[in-house]
Amino acid sequence: MPIGVDIDVMLARRKMSVGELAERVGITPANLAVLKNGRAKAVRFATLAALCEALECQPGDLLRWEPEDTPTG
């Protein structure tokens, strides 16, 4: 997937658990795990804003673009 997710990095920096972040953001730990593991197809701006508020960070601290590997031949 060309979008990398660094929620786990910010959780470690803030010394916060997944359960605590989920509670602060207002989503289930299972849904947070889907986001954290990069399996989500989309994220609402409201959820992204709540994550940034809870983690005191910018969206770019949580998401990054990664170029897809292009086959050479």
Protein backbone atom coordinates (compact mmCIF):
# COMPACT_ATOMS: atom_id res chain seq x y z
CA MET A 1 0.00 0.00 0.00
CA PRO A 2 1.48 3.38 -0.90
CA ILE A 3 0.37 5.04 2.38
CA GLY A 4 2.38 4.11 5.45
CA VAL A 5 0.87 4.48 8.91
CA ASP A 6 3.02 5.48 11.88
CA ILE A 7 0.44 5.48 14.68
CA ASP A 8 2.51 2.92 16.57
CA VAL A 9 5.53 5.24 16.43
CA MET A 10 3.54 8.10 17.96
CA LEU A 11 2.03 5.77 20.58
CA ALA A 12 5.55 4.78 21.65
CA ARG A 13 6.72 8.40 21.72
CA ARG A 14 3.76 9.41 23.87
CA LYS A 15 4.01 6.25 26.04
CA MET A 16 0.32 5.60 25.38
CA SER A 17 -1.49 2.29 24.94
CA VAL A 18 -3.78 1.41 22.05
CA GLY A 19 -6.68 1.15 24.51
CA GLU A 20 -6.03 4.61 25.93
CA LEU A 21 -5.77 6.18 22.47
CA ALA A 22 -8.94 4.43 21.30
CA GLU A 23 -10.81 5.74 24.33
CA ARG A 24 -9.55 9.31 23.80
CA VAL A 25 -10.44 9.23 20.11
CA GLY A 26 -13.81 7.53 20.61
CA ILE A 27 -13.24 4.43 18.47
CA THR A 28 -12.92 0.77 19.37
CA PRO A 29 -9.47 -0.73 19.91
CA ALA A 30 -10.25 -3.11 17.03
CA ASN A 31 -10.91 -0.23 14.64
CA LEU A 32 -7.78 1.53 15.85
CA ALA A 33 -5.81 -1.66 15.16
CA VAL A 34 -7.15 -1.68 11.58
CA LEU A 35 -5.88 1.88 11.14
CA LYS A 36 -2.60 1.22 12.94
CA ASN A 37 -1.79 -1.85 10.88
CA GLY A 38 -2.48 -0.12 7.56
CA ARG A 39 -5.49 -2.27 6.69
CA ALA A 40 -7.99 0.62 6.54
CA LYS A 41 -9.27 1.67 3.12
CA ALA A 42 -10.17 5.14 4.36
CA VAL A 43 -10.04 7.37 7.43
CA ARG A 44 -12.47 10.16 8.26
CA PHE A 45 -10.96 13.59 8.71
CA ALA A 46 -12.74 13.80 12.08
CA THR A 47 -10.97 10.61 13.19
CA LEU A 48 -7.63 11.86 11.88
CA ALA A 49 -8.15 15.15 13.71
CA ALA A 50 -9.03 13.32 16.94
CA LEU A 51 -5.90 11.15 16.59
CA CYS A 52 -3.76 14.26 16.10
CA GLU A 53 -5.34 15.98 19.09
CA ALA A 54 -4.88 12.95 21.36
CA LEU A 55 -1.29 12.38 20.23
CA GLU A 56 -0.45 16.11 19.96
CA CYS A 57 0.90 15.72 16.44
CA GLN A 58 0.29 16.62 12.81
CA PRO A 59 -1.35 14.32 10.20
CA GLY A 60 2.04 13.93 8.53
CA ASP A 61 3.37 12.39 11.75
CA LEU A 62 0.83 9.58 11.35
CA LEU A 63 0.66 9.07 7.58
CA ARG A 64 3.33 9.01 4.90
CA TRP A 65 3.36 8.29 1.19
CA GLU A 66 5.55 5.43 0.00
CA PRO A 67 6.13 4.89 -3.71
CA GLU A 68 5.03 1.48 -4.91
CA ASP A 69 7.74 -0.84 -6.10
CA THR A 70 7.82 -0.84 -9.86
CA PRO A 71 8.95 -4.02 -11.53
CA THR A 72 12.13 -3.73 -13.55
CA GLY A 73 12.67 -5.79 -16.55
